[in-house]
Structures are given as structure tokens and as C-alpha cells.
Amino acid sequence: MGDAVAESKVDFGALAALHKWPSLANQRRPDRESYPITEGTLDECISAFMGKPATTRHLYEIRTAAQPPLVTGILSPEHVIELSRWREFL
């Protein structure tokens, strides 16, 4: 996937929102909706996410405009961690 990263540009200045899922016993509550806790750029939301304790990151996701092929509209915790690595590499 390294070639795709080199050939693709990610707009880290795109508008985004960091969402948190309500939880019970550190697990997402599937009967509830996530809610925004931080709004700003994709870069700011990635930084806010990475500032959360690793043990709670599964309760968060970032929502932004899709930027195919690397950025989807809803970014899972694993996806955010990958984008954070790419951001530092680039």
C-alpha cells in the first residue's frame, strides 16, 4: 500500500469531526448514536484522537468527507492510526 500513499494526496485540512460512542464497561453501546466532541480539520481530529488513551480509542471515530482511495467518510480507530503514521511520514 506504500505506492498508493505516495501517489495519493490526503487533504489533512479538510473539515472533520471526532465522534465518541457512549459506552458501558468500556464497550460501545450499539443502541446509542455517537456524538461529536471535537470539530476542526482532519489533522486536528487525528491529533485529538491520538491524544486519547490507547485503551479507549475503540470508542472514537472521525467523520469527514471521503477522499478516495485513502480516506473514507467514517474512519475507524485503526484507520485513524494508519493516517497518523502516513501524516508523520509525509
PDB file of N, CA and C in Angstrom:
ATOM      1  N   MET A   1       0.822  -1.190   0.000  1.00  0.00           N
ATOM      2  CA  MET A   1       0.000   0.000   0.000  1.00  0.00           C
ATOM      3  C   MET A   1       0.866   1.254   0.000  1.00  0.00           C
ATOM      4  N   GLY A   2       2.162   1.122   0.155  1.00  0.00           N
ATOM      5  CA  GLY A   2       3.044   2.266   0.162  1.00  0.00           C
ATOM      6  C   GLY A   2       2.958   3.076  -1.114  1.00  0.00           C
ATOM      7  N   ASP A   3       2.830   2.404  -2.267  1.00  0.00           N
ATOM      8  CA  ASP A   3       2.719   3.123  -3.536  1.00  0.00           C
ATOM      9  C   ASP A   3       1.457   3.970  -3.585  1.00  0.00           C
ATOM     10  N   ALA A   4       0.358   3.458  -3.064  1.00  0.00           N
ATOM     11  CA  ALA A   4      -0.900   4.204  -3.070  1.00  0.00           C
ATOM     12  C   ALA A   4      -0.761   5.481  -2.246  1.00  0.00           C
ATOM     13  N   VAL A   5      -0.014   5.397  -1.158  1.00  0.00           N
ATOM     14  CA  VAL A   5       0.184   6.572  -0.316  1.00  0.00           C
ATOM     15  C   VAL A   5       1.007   7.610  -1.064  1.00  0.00           C
ATOM     16  N   ALA A   6       2.064   7.164  -1.725  1.00  0.00           N
ATOM     17  CA  ALA A   6       2.933   8.095  -2.432  1.00  0.00           C
ATOM     18  C   ALA A   6       2.186   8.785  -3.574  1.00  0.00           C
ATOM     19  N   GLU A   7       1.267   8.076  -4.213  1.00  0.00           N
ATOM     20  CA  GLU A   7       0.552   8.622  -5.358  1.00  0.00           C
ATOM     21  C   GLU A   7      -0.688   9.395  -4.954  1.00  0.00           C
ATOM     22  N   SER A   8      -1.169   9.209  -3.762  1.00  0.00           N
ATOM     23  CA  SER A   8      -2.417   9.843  -3.329  1.00  0.00           C
ATOM     24  C   SER A   8      -2.120  10.987  -2.375  1.00  0.00           C
ATOM     25  N   LYS A   9      -2.892  12.035  -2.527  1.00  0.00           N
ATOM     26  CA  LYS A   9      -2.774  13.170  -1.616  1.00  0.00           C
ATOM     27  C   LYS A   9      -3.957  13.134  -0.652  1.00  0.00           C
ATOM     28  N   VAL A  10      -3.670  13.325   0.606  1.00  0.00           N
ATOM     29  CA  VAL A  10      -4.724  13.411   1.614  1.00  0.00           C
ATOM     30  C   VAL A  10      -4.776  14.863   2.065  1.00  0.00           C
ATOM     31  N   ASP A  11      -5.963  15.458   2.032  1.00  0.00           N
ATOM     32  CA  ASP A  11      -6.151  16.826   2.487  1.00  0.00           C
ATOM     33  C   ASP A  11      -6.399  16.808   3.985  1.00  0.00           C
ATOM     34  N   PHE A  12      -5.320  17.000   4.757  1.00  0.00           N
ATOM     35  CA  PHE A  12      -5.444  16.988   6.215  1.00  0.00           C
ATOM     36  C   PHE A  12      -6.108  18.263   6.726  1.00  0.00           C
ATOM     37  N   GLY A  13      -6.343  19.231   5.829  1.00  0.00           N
ATOM     38  CA  GLY A  13      -7.038  20.456   6.197  1.00  0.00           C
ATOM     39  C   GLY A  13      -8.543  20.365   5.991  1.00  0.00           C
ATOM     40  N   ALA A  14      -9.016  19.202   5.508  1.00  0.00           N
ATOM     41  CA  ALA A  14     -10.454  19.014   5.279  1.00  0.00           C
ATOM     42  C   ALA A  14     -11.211  19.067   6.604  1.00  0.00           C
ATOM     43  N   LEU A  15     -12.453  19.556   6.554  1.00  0.00           N
ATOM     44  CA  LEU A  15     -13.281  19.598   7.763  1.00  0.00           C
ATOM     45  C   LEU A  15     -13.572  18.185   8.252  1.00  0.00           C
ATOM     46  N   ALA A  16     -13.549  18.005   9.565  1.00  0.00           N
ATOM     47  CA  ALA A  16     -13.780  16.693  10.158  1.00  0.00           C
ATOM     48  C   ALA A  16     -14.330  16.877  11.570  1.00  0.00           C
ATOM     49  N   ALA A  17     -14.849  15.789  12.119  1.00  0.00           N
ATOM     50  CA  ALA A  17     -15.343  15.792  13.499  1.00  0.00           C
ATOM     51  C   ALA A  17     -14.944  14.485  14.170  1.00  0.00           C
ATOM     52  N   LEU A  18     -14.413  14.596  15.369  1.00  0.00           N
ATOM     53  CA  LEU A  18     -14.102  13.420  16.185  1.00  0.00           C
ATOM     54  C   LEU A  18     -15.355  13.079  16.973  1.00  0.00           C
ATOM     55  N   HIS A  19     -15.835  11.849  16.791  1.00  0.00           N
ATOM     56  CA  HIS A  19     -17.045  11.390  17.476  1.00  0.00           C
ATOM     57  C   HIS A  19     -16.677  10.368  18.540  1.00  0.00           C
ATOM     58  N   LYS A  20     -17.469  10.350  19.604  1.00  0.00           N
ATOM     59  CA  LYS A  20     -17.313   9.345  20.663  1.00  0.00           C
ATOM     60  C   LYS A  20     -18.609   8.555  20.782  1.00  0.00           C
ATOM     61  N   TRP A  21     -18.465   7.270  20.985  1.00  0.00           N
ATOM     62  CA  TRP A  21     -19.613   6.403  21.211  1.00  0.00           C
ATOM     63  C   TRP A  21     -19.888   6.315  22.704  1.00  0.00           C
ATOM     64  N   PRO A  22     -21.151   6.422  23.102  1.00  0.00           N
ATOM     65  CA  PRO A  22     -21.472   6.137  24.510  1.00  0.00           C
ATOM     66  C   PRO A  22     -21.015   4.715  24.833  1.00  0.00           C
ATOM     67  N   SER A  23     -20.550   4.518  26.045  1.00  0.00           N
ATOM     68  CA  SER A  23     -20.022   3.193  26.374  1.00  0.00           C
ATOM     69  C   SER A  23     -20.534   2.709  27.723  1.00  0.00           C
ATOM     70  N   LEU A  24     -20.445   1.420  27.884  1.00  0.00           N
ATOM     71  CA  LEU A  24     -20.755   0.756  29.140  1.00  0.00           C
ATOM     72  C   LEU A  24     -19.682  -0.305  29.324  1.00  0.00           C
ATOM     73  N   ALA A  25     -18.974  -0.256  30.432  1.00  0.00           N
ATOM     74  CA  ALA A  25     -17.873  -1.183  30.698  1.00  0.00           C
ATOM     75  C   ALA A  25     -16.839  -1.139  29.566  1.00  0.00           C
ATOM     76  N   ASN A  26     -16.535   0.068  29.081  1.00  0.00           N
ATOM     77  CA  ASN A  26     -15.534   0.304  28.034  1.00  0.00           C
ATOM     78  C   ASN A  26     -15.880  -0.371  26.708  1.00  0.00           C
ATOM     79  N   GLN A  27     -17.168  -0.609  26.461  1.00  0.00           N
ATOM     80  CA  GLN A  27     -17.639  -1.165  25.194  1.00  0.00           C
ATOM     81  C   GLN A  27     -18.651  -0.207  24.582  1.00  0.00           C
ATOM     82  N   ARG A  28     -18.617  -0.101  23.238  1.00  0.00           N
ATOM     83  CA  ARG A  28     -19.602   0.750  22.554  1.00  0.00           C
ATOM     84  C   ARG A  28     -21.010   0.274  22.846  1.00  0.00           C
ATOM     85  N   ARG A  29     -21.907   1.226  23.015  1.00  0.00           N
ATOM     86  CA  ARG A  29     -23.329   0.903  23.197  1.00  0.00           C
ATOM     87  C   ARG A  29     -23.978   0.915  21.817  1.00  0.00           C
ATOM     88  N   PRO A  30     -24.323  -0.236  21.267  1.00  0.00           N
ATOM     89  CA  PRO A  30     -24.895  -0.280  19.918  1.00  0.00           C
ATOM     90  C   PRO A  30     -26.285   0.345  19.828  1.00  0.00           C
ATOM     91  N   ASP A  31     -26.934   0.538  20.969  1.00  0.00           N
ATOM     92  CA  ASP A  31     -28.276   1.120  20.978  1.00  0.00           C
ATOM     93  C   ASP A  31     -28.231   2.647  21.035  1.00  0.00           C
ATOM     94  N   ARG A  32     -27.034   3.233  20.988  1.00  0.00           N
ATOM     95  CA  ARG A  32     -26.877   4.689  21.059  1.00  0.00           C
ATOM     96  C   ARG A  32     -26.121   5.187  19.831  1.00  0.00           C
ATOM     97  N   GLU A  33     -26.247   6.481  19.573  1.00  0.00           N
ATOM     98  CA  GLU A  33     -25.525   7.110  18.463  1.00  0.00           C
ATOM     99  C   GLU A  33     -24.256   7.776  18.990  1.00  0.00           C
ATOM    100  N   SER A  34     -23.238   7.833  18.142  1.00  0.00           N
ATOM    101  CA  SER A  34     -22.036   8.564  18.519  1.00  0.00           C
ATOM    102  C   SER A  34     -22.343  10.059  18.476  1.00  0.00           C
ATOM    103  N   TYR A  35     -21.525  10.844  19.156  1.00  0.00           N
ATOM    104  CA  TYR A  35     -21.741  12.291  19.187  1.00  0.00           C
ATOM    105  C   TYR A  35     -20.401  12.998  19.002  1.00  0.00           C
ATOM    106  N   PRO A  36     -20.429  14.188  18.368  1.00  0.00           N
ATOM    107  CA  PRO A  36     -19.172  14.905  18.134  1.00  0.00           C
ATOM    108  C   PRO A  36     -18.625  15.510  19.420  1.00  0.00           C
ATOM    109  N   ILE A  37     -17.298  15.397  19.607  1.00  0.00           N
ATOM    110  CA  ILE A  37     -16.665  16.020  20.763  1.00  0.00           C
ATOM    111  C   ILE A  37     -15.641  17.075  20.333  1.00  0.00           C
ATOM    112  N   THR A  38     -15.146  16.965  19.098  1.00  0.00           N
ATOM    113  CA  THR A  38     -14.199  17.938  18.558  1.00  0.00           C
ATOM    114  C   THR A  38     -14.507  18.120  17.088  1.00  0.00           C
ATOM    115  N   GLU A  39     -14.552  19.368  16.646  1.00  0.00           N
ATOM    116  CA  GLU A  39     -14.717  19.640  15.226  1.00  0.00           C
ATOM    117  C   GLU A  39     -13.575  20.532  14.787  1.00  0.00           C
ATOM    118  N   GLY A  40     -13.087  20.309  13.589  1.00  0.00           N
ATOM    119  CA  GLY A  40     -11.977  21.093  13.067  1.00  0.00           C
ATOM    120  C   GLY A  40     -11.484  20.469  11.783  1.00  0.00           C
ATOM    121  N   THR A  41     -10.179  20.488  11.591  1.00  0.00           N
ATOM    122  CA  THR A  41      -9.596  19.874  10.398  1.00  0.00           C
ATOM    123  C   THR A  41      -9.346  18.387  10.667  1.00  0.00           C
ATOM    124  N   LEU A  42      -9.137  17.644   9.603  1.00  0.00           N
ATOM    125  CA  LEU A  42      -8.793  16.227   9.745  1.00  0.00           C
ATOM    126  C   LEU A  42      -7.527  16.095  10.585  1.00  0.00           C
ATOM    127  N   ASP A  43      -6.550  16.958  10.340  1.00  0.00           N
ATOM    128  CA  ASP A  43      -5.306  16.940  11.099  1.00  0.00           C
ATOM    129  C   ASP A  43      -5.571  17.143  12.599  1.00  0.00           C
ATOM    130  N   GLU A  44      -6.406  18.127  12.941  1.00  0.00           N
ATOM    131  CA  GLU A  44      -6.714  18.397  14.354  1.00  0.00           C
ATOM    132  C   GLU A  44      -7.445  17.224  14.998  1.00  0.00           C
ATOM    133  N   CYS A  45      -8.356  16.618  14.241  1.00  0.00           N
ATOM    134  CA  CYS A  45      -9.113  15.480  14.789  1.00  0.00           C
ATOM    135  C   CYS A  45      -8.222  14.258  14.980  1.00  0.00           C
ATOM    136  N   ILE A  46      -7.278  14.039  14.056  1.00  0.00           N
ATOM    137  CA  ILE A  46      -6.328  12.927  14.219  1.00  0.00           C
ATOM    138  C   ILE A  46      -5.486  13.168  15.471  1.00  0.00           C
ATOM    139  N   SER A  47      -5.013  14.400  15.660  1.00  0.00           N
ATOM    140  CA  SER A  47      -4.209  14.720  16.850  1.00  0.00           C
ATOM    141  C   SER A  47      -5.014  14.516  18.127  1.00  0.00           C
ATOM    142  N   ALA A  48      -6.273  14.960  18.127  1.00  0.00           N
ATOM    143  CA  ALA A  48      -7.127  14.780  19.308  1.00  0.00           C
ATOM    144  C   ALA A  48      -7.342  13.292  19.587  1.00  0.00           C
ATOM    145  N   PHE A  49      -7.567  12.509  18.534  1.00  0.00           N
ATOM    146  CA  PHE A  49      -7.752  11.067  18.686  1.00  0.00           C
ATOM    147  C   PHE A  49      -6.502  10.426  19.276  1.00  0.00           C
ATOM    148  N   MET A  50      -5.340  10.775  18.720  1.00  0.00           N
ATOM    149  CA  MET A  50      -4.092  10.163  19.175  1.00  0.00           C
ATOM    150  C   MET A  50      -3.765  10.561  20.618  1.00  0.00           C
ATOM    151  N   GLY A  51      -4.353  11.648  21.105  1.00  0.00           N
ATOM    152  CA  GLY A  51      -4.163  12.068  22.485  1.00  0.00           C
ATOM    153  C   GLY A  51      -5.003  11.283  23.483  1.00  0.00           C
ATOM    154  N   LYS A  52      -5.939  10.488  22.976  1.00  0.00           N
ATOM    155  CA  LYS A  52      -6.781   9.662  23.855  1.00  0.00           C
ATOM    156  C   LYS A  52      -5.990   8.434  24.308  1.00  0.00           C
ATOM    157  N   PRO A  53      -6.283   7.922  25.494  1.00  0.00           N
ATOM    158  CA  PRO A  53      -5.606   6.692  25.931  1.00  0.00           C
ATOM    159  C   PRO A  53      -5.870   5.548  24.950  1.00  0.00           C
ATOM    160  N   ALA A  54      -4.837   4.777  24.659  1.00  0.00           N
ATOM    161  CA  ALA A  54      -4.966   3.669  23.704  1.00  0.00           C
ATOM    162  C   ALA A  54      -6.088   2.711  24.092  1.00  0.00           C
ATOM    163  N   THR A  55      -6.334   2.564  25.389  1.00  0.00           N
ATOM    164  CA  THR A  55      -7.352   1.617  25.862  1.00  0.00           C
ATOM    165  C   THR A  55      -8.776   2.090  25.600  1.00  0.00           C
ATOM    166  N   THR A  56      -8.949   3.372  25.213  1.00  0.00           N
ATOM    167  CA  THR A  56     -10.301   3.873  24.938  1.00  0.00           C
ATOM    168  C   THR A  56     -10.493   4.289  23.486  1.00  0.00           C
ATOM    169  N   ARG A  57      -9.471   4.181  22.652  1.00  0.00           N
ATOM    170  CA  ARG A  57      -9.572   4.655  21.265  1.00  0.00           C
ATOM    171  C   ARG A  57     -10.650   3.948  20.454  1.00  0.00           C
ATOM    172  N   HIS A  58     -10.991   2.722  20.832  1.00  0.00           N
ATOM    173  CA  HIS A  58     -12.037   1.994  20.094  1.00  0.00           C
ATOM    174  C   HIS A  58     -13.410   2.656  20.248  1.00  0.00           C
ATOM    175  N   LEU A  59     -13.530   3.604  21.160  1.00  0.00           N
ATOM    176  CA  LEU A  59     -14.805   4.295  21.376  1.00  0.00           C
ATOM    177  C   LEU A  59     -14.949   5.537  20.494  1.00  0.00           C
ATOM    178  N   TYR A  60     -13.942   5.813  19.661  1.00  0.00           N
ATOM    179  CA  TYR A  60     -13.936   7.023  18.847  1.00  0.00           C
ATOM    180  C   TYR A  60     -13.898   6.698  17.357  1.00  0.00           C
ATOM    181  N   GLU A  61     -14.353   7.657  16.551  1.00  0.00           N
ATOM    182  CA  GLU A  61     -14.218   7.585  15.100  1.00  0.00           C
ATOM    183  C   GLU A  61     -14.176   9.014  14.586  1.00  0.00           C
ATOM    184  N   ILE A  62     -13.617   9.183  13.402  1.00  0.00           N
ATOM    185  CA  ILE A  62     -13.580  10.505  12.783  1.00  0.00           C
ATOM    186  C   ILE A  62     -14.494  10.471  11.572  1.00  0.00           C
ATOM    187  N   ARG A  63     -15.311  11.509  11.440  1.00  0.00           N
ATOM    188  CA  ARG A  63     -16.204  11.649  10.287  1.00  0.00           C
ATOM    189  C   ARG A  63     -15.734  12.835   9.463  1.00  0.00           C
ATOM    190  N   THR A  64     -15.610  12.619   8.159  1.00  0.00           N
ATOM    191  CA  THR A  64     -15.114  13.643   7.249  1.00  0.00           C
ATOM    192  C   THR A  64     -15.597  13.329   5.843  1.00  0.00           C
ATOM    193  N   ALA A  65     -15.356  14.232   4.915  1.00  0.00           N
ATOM    194  CA  ALA A  65     -15.691  13.955   3.514  1.00  0.00           C
ATOM    195  C   ALA A  65     -14.727  12.901   2.993  1.00  0.00           C
ATOM    196  N   ALA A  66     -15.243  11.938   2.262  1.00  0.00           N
ATOM    197  CA  ALA A  66     -14.402  10.880   1.712  1.00  0.00           C
ATOM    198  C   ALA A  66     -13.382  11.463   0.733  1.00  0.00           C
ATOM    199  N   GLN A  67     -12.180  10.899   0.764  1.00  0.00           N
ATOM    200  CA  GLN A  67     -11.106  11.245  -0.162  1.00  0.00           C
ATOM    201  C   GLN A  67     -10.530   9.931  -0.698  1.00  0.00           C
ATOM    202  N   PRO A  68     -11.250   9.309  -1.646  1.00  0.00           N
ATOM    203  CA  PRO A  68     -10.778   8.016  -2.148  1.00  0.00           C
ATOM    204  C   PRO A  68      -9.368   8.131  -2.725  1.00  0.00           C
ATOM    205  N   PRO A  69      -8.552   7.094  -2.612  1.00  0.00           N
ATOM    206  CA  PRO A  69      -8.865   5.785  -2.019  1.00  0.00           C
ATOM    207  C   PRO A  69      -8.490   5.668  -0.549  1.00  0.00           C
ATOM    208  N   LEU A  70      -7.846   6.676   0.028  1.00  0.00           N
ATOM    209  CA  LEU A  70      -7.280   6.507   1.372  1.00  0.00           C
ATOM    210  C   LEU A  70      -8.181   6.917   2.520  1.00  0.00           C
ATOM    211  N   VAL A  71      -9.117   7.828   2.281  1.00  0.00           N
ATOM    212  CA  VAL A  71      -9.943   8.347   3.370  1.00  0.00           C
ATOM    213  C   VAL A  71     -11.408   8.043   3.082  1.00  0.00           C
ATOM    214  N   THR A  72     -12.038   7.357   4.027  1.00  0.00           N
ATOM    215  CA  THR A  72     -13.465   7.064   3.920  1.00  0.00           C
ATOM    216  C   THR A  72     -14.237   8.086   4.756  1.00  0.00           C
ATOM    217  N   GLY A  73     -15.537   8.133   4.609  1.00  0.00           N
ATOM    218  CA  GLY A  73     -16.359   9.106   5.325  1.00  0.00           C
ATOM    219  C   GLY A  73     -16.350   8.926   6.825  1.00  0.00           C
ATOM    220  N   ILE A  74     -16.264   7.679   7.278  1.00  0.00           N
ATOM    221  CA  ILE A  74     -16.164   7.387   8.715  1.00  0.00           C
ATOM    222  C   ILE A  74     -14.888   6.578   8.907  1.00  0.00           C
ATOM    223  N   LEU A  75     -13.969   7.141   9.680  1.00  0.00           N
ATOM    224  CA  LEU A  75     -12.675   6.499   9.897  1.00  0.00           C
ATOM    225  C   LEU A  75     -12.672   5.732  11.210  1.00  0.00           C
ATOM    226  N   SER A  76     -12.390   4.445  11.118  1.00  0.00           N
ATOM    227  CA  SER A  76     -12.296   3.600  12.310  1.00  0.00           C
ATOM    228  C   SER A  76     -11.014   3.940  13.074  1.00  0.00           C
ATOM    229  N   PRO A  77     -10.931   3.519  14.325  1.00  0.00           N
ATOM    230  CA  PRO A  77      -9.702   3.776  15.090  1.00  0.00           C
ATOM    231  C   PRO A  77      -8.446   3.262  14.380  1.00  0.00           C
ATOM    232  N   GLU A  78      -8.525   2.085  13.780  1.00  0.00           N
ATOM    233  CA  GLU A  78      -7.370   1.518  13.087  1.00  0.00           C
ATOM    234  C   GLU A  78      -6.967   2.393  11.898  1.00  0.00           C
ATOM    235  N   HIS A  79      -7.968   2.890  11.179  1.00  0.00           N
ATOM    236  CA  HIS A  79      -7.733   3.748  10.025  1.00  0.00           C
ATOM    237  C   HIS A  79      -7.094   5.071  10.458  1.00  0.00           C
ATOM    238  N   VAL A  80      -7.561   5.632  11.566  1.00  0.00           N
ATOM    239  CA  VAL A  80      -7.008   6.894  12.075  1.00  0.00           C
ATOM    240  C   VAL A  80      -5.535   6.710  12.439  1.00  0.00           C
ATOM    241  N   ILE A  81      -5.198   5.584  13.071  1.00  0.00           N
ATOM    242  CA  ILE A  81      -3.813   5.313  13.454  1.00  0.00           C
ATOM    243  C   ILE A  81      -2.938   5.223  12.206  1.00  0.00           C
ATOM    244  N   GLU A  82      -3.423   4.557  11.155  1.00  0.00           N
ATOM    245  CA  GLU A  82      -2.674   4.476   9.899  1.00  0.00           C
ATOM    246  C   GLU A  82      -2.477   5.857   9.286  1.00  0.00           C
ATOM    247  N   LEU A  83      -3.536   6.666   9.253  1.00  0.00           N
ATOM    248  CA  LEU A  83      -3.415   8.018   8.693  1.00  0.00           C
ATOM    249  C   LEU A  83      -2.433   8.852   9.507  1.00  0.00           C
ATOM    250  N   SER A  84      -2.410   8.656  10.812  1.00  0.00           N
ATOM    251  CA  SER A  84      -1.471   9.382  11.661  1.00  0.00           C
ATOM    252  C   SER A  84      -0.032   9.028  11.289  1.00  0.00           C
ATOM    253  N   ARG A  85       0.214   7.756  11.027  1.00  0.00           N
ATOM    254  CA  ARG A  85       1.551   7.318  10.609  1.00  0.00           C
ATOM    255  C   ARG A  85       1.914   7.935   9.260  1.00  0.00           C
ATOM    256  N   TRP A  86       0.973   7.914   8.297  1.00  0.00           N
ATOM    257  CA  TRP A  86       1.234   8.485   6.981  1.00  0.00           C
ATOM    258  C   TRP A  86       1.490   9.976   7.074  1.00  0.00           C
ATOM    259  N   ARG A  87       0.730  10.650   7.916  1.00  0.00           N
ATOM    260  CA  ARG A  87       0.882  12.101   8.089  1.00  0.00           C
ATOM    261  C   ARG A  87       2.295  12.427   8.560  1.00  0.00           C
ATOM    262  N   GLU A  88       2.797  11.643   9.487  1.00  0.00           N
ATOM    263  CA  GLU A  88       4.160  11.889  10.000  1.00  0.00           C
ATOM    264  C   GLU A  88       5.207  11.516   8.973  1.00  0.00           C
ATOM    265  N   PHE A  89       4.947  10.487   8.171  1.00  0.00           N
ATOM    266  CA  PHE A  89       5.883  10.058   7.133  1.00  0.00           C
ATOM    267  C   PHE A  89       5.972  11.109   6.027  1.00  0.00           C
ATOM    268  N   LEU A  90       4.819  11.704   5.673  1.00  0.00           N
ATOM    269  CA  LEU A  90       4.785  12.678   4.598  1.00  0.00           C
ATOM    270  C   LEU A  90       5.237  14.032   5.108  1.00  0.00           C
TER     271      LEU A  90
END
